[in-house]
Every structure is written in structure tokens, then in C-alpha cells.
Amino acid sequence: MGTIQLNSLEKWFGNVQVIKGVDLEMGDGEFVVFVGPSGCGKSTLLRLIGGLEEASAGKILLNGRDVTGEPPAKRGLTMVFQSYALYPHMSVGENMGFSLKMSGAPKSKVDEKVGKAARILKLEELLERRPKELSGGQRQRVAIGRSIVRDPTAFLFDEPLSNLDAALRVEMRYEIAKLHQSLKSTMIYVTHDQVEAMTLANRIVVLDQGQIAQVGSPRELYERPVNRFVAQFIGSPKMNMLACRSGGGSYRLPGGRGGPFFGDAEAVEVGVRPEHIAINETGSGQLDGVVDVVEYLGADTFVIVDCSEAGQVTVRVTGTAELVPGQAIGLTFPEDKLHFLDSSGMAVHAAPASWSA
């Protein structure tokens, strides 16, 4: 089993509180991703779980056992860092089996576990090579293999793909996803890349300034963000945020029109994702504007529209958009894809028929 529970966990560095009372439960076999901007505390939280940082307050439970004060070696966890930290004078096989060898495991057991890990990671033909003879992706697979042979309670990944180029990142994302399917082990993965978070996680933990902003599946976070921070952090391009006024069953945009609003509190902003906006090339919409920039990306085109008082709005169009800078267009927003926020930046919930992400 690999259940992990954090109870009111805190971490202080001097007078600075980095982790601010985190409560979180991670089930056996889950793939949980900690995501957030630099400085949000995601790596510190991972290091607390792994025992590389000492908790200032709160508890860490592994399979119900309090390990808050225990050293890393007694927790049964293993960490994979962005730095491969391979021994250059050892072969791939020797690197993978080194920890078992140092623990006194017999050679037959070391060879068995290294062989099994090599098959899982497709490293059989590389076992005799030195690290300098490997690509970046292969080195990272060796580092993961070094963890697999230890049969850990859970795997902890701290931005393991940061040193790889774009193509290798995609390849290794696939490898890690397949590894989780194969091993069915608990995995906690730290990244600042929300694409990695969305594609790998069963659940995502969004961190903001040492606190959990929201926990949920990738779809839940994308379709029902609880506040402005999550709404704009998850999704690329980020969600458009427009000032609005609400009341009397409707909302109105600055310099534009509006639509129905049946929220349970006053809304001061409305958010809409770029792919949910419809463009009217010949008429007006809920907002009218002028095409500022057209960014063609192949499968998609991003259209940045200057909507005067309402500001810039990004629209995502599938394929090619036959638009040119300076062209006047109208923008229309679907009622069931809007996200209303109050003055504190929290989501304003509305009747399901009128507001459903």
C-alpha cells in the first residue's frame, strides 16, 4: 500500500512560512501532481513528504504510520530529481542496482530486480553502457530504474523532465504514464508545467503561496476552477478575465452587452476560455473589437482582439482563421461556459441551467 496523509503540515524557514497548514490525502496507487508557479511551495512539500526537510508543525502519515520525525531511509519512499545524479564510472546496470548492493542484497536478487526494471523501461540493451553514452531521456530512465528496484511505498518526482528538450519531454511523459499503469504504485509528481499536470495526473493539487488553492481531476480544475488563480493557471492560453457588473438577473460588460446571470453573489468579473468564444466576422457580438494579432500554430490559430474598454481578448480557433489585423469583428460568449467571480476572486456559483462549466 502507498497511502499518504498530510495533517496541518507547516514549514517555516526562519520567520518565513513556506507551507501554511496543508491537509491532503493521497490514495494507494494514485498519481498526484503538485503544480503551481515558482515559489509556491510545491518542491518543499514534496521534500517534507520524502523526509529531506523537517516539518515545523503537523503530521505526515504513510499507510497510517506517523513518519513525521523519521529520516528518509525509514520511510520506504524514493525520489527522482531533475538532476540524474548517475555515477559516471558505473554502467547503467551498476547504477540501477547500487542501492541494493550497498544494502547487502545478494547478487542474484540485484540482477533480478535490475533486469525487471530494465525490461519495464526498455533499457535491456543499454545495461553495459556508461552514462556519458546515453541521451538525456535514457539517463532519466536509468534514474527512474534506480528507484524501481527498491520497491518503494511511493515514488516522488521533483520536476524530472526540466532538463530535457521539448520532444524528449513529450516522450518521457508517455514513459512515466505507462510506468504508472504498469506498476500501479502511488506517485507524487512536482512540476510548474500545467501540460504535464493535465496529462499525467489522476488528481492535481494546485498550490498558491504555500496553500492549496484547489484539488481535483484535470477536468474538474479546467471546467470548474474555484477562484481566479486556478482559472488562469490551468489552461493555455489562459482564461480571459473581463470586468462586469451583475444584478437583476443579468450581467453587463464594459463597452459591450451582456447576458443572463443567476449567481448567488454579486459578480465583478466574468471569465471565458479562448476556445469557447465565437467570432462573428460580419456583425457585432457581446463585445466588439478589432483584430490586433493573428498567431497561426498549425492545428490552432490564436486571435488577439482589442476590445477597447474591456481590454485584450484571446480567441482560439481550430485550424486557420481568415482574419487580418485591423479587421472589425464581434465576439459572442456561450452562457454555459462562463465563469463568474466575486470581488475576492472566488467563483460565484449559479443555477446549473445558466452556469455550468
Foldseek 3Di string as FASTA:
>chain_A
DWKKWWAQWWDDDVPRTQAGGETDIDDWLFEEEEAEDPSLCQVVVLCQQQQVDQTPDTFMATVNHTCRPPHNVPQQEEEQELDLPFDQVAFLLCRLLVVVVVVPHDPVLSVVLLVVLCVLLVCVVRRGPGPVPDDSLVSSSSSVSSRRSSVGQEYEYEANCVPDDPVSVVVVLVSVQSVSVVVSGHYYYYDNDLVSNLSRGCKYFYGGSNYTQDIDHLVCLAQPPFFDRSQQSHDPVGWDKWFWWDDPQWIAGVVFGTGGDAFPDTFGIKTFHQAQKDKAQPDAERFKFFFADWAADAQWIWTWTQRDPRGIDIHIGGGDDPHDGGRIIYIYGDQQRMWTAHPVGGTTDGPNVRYHD
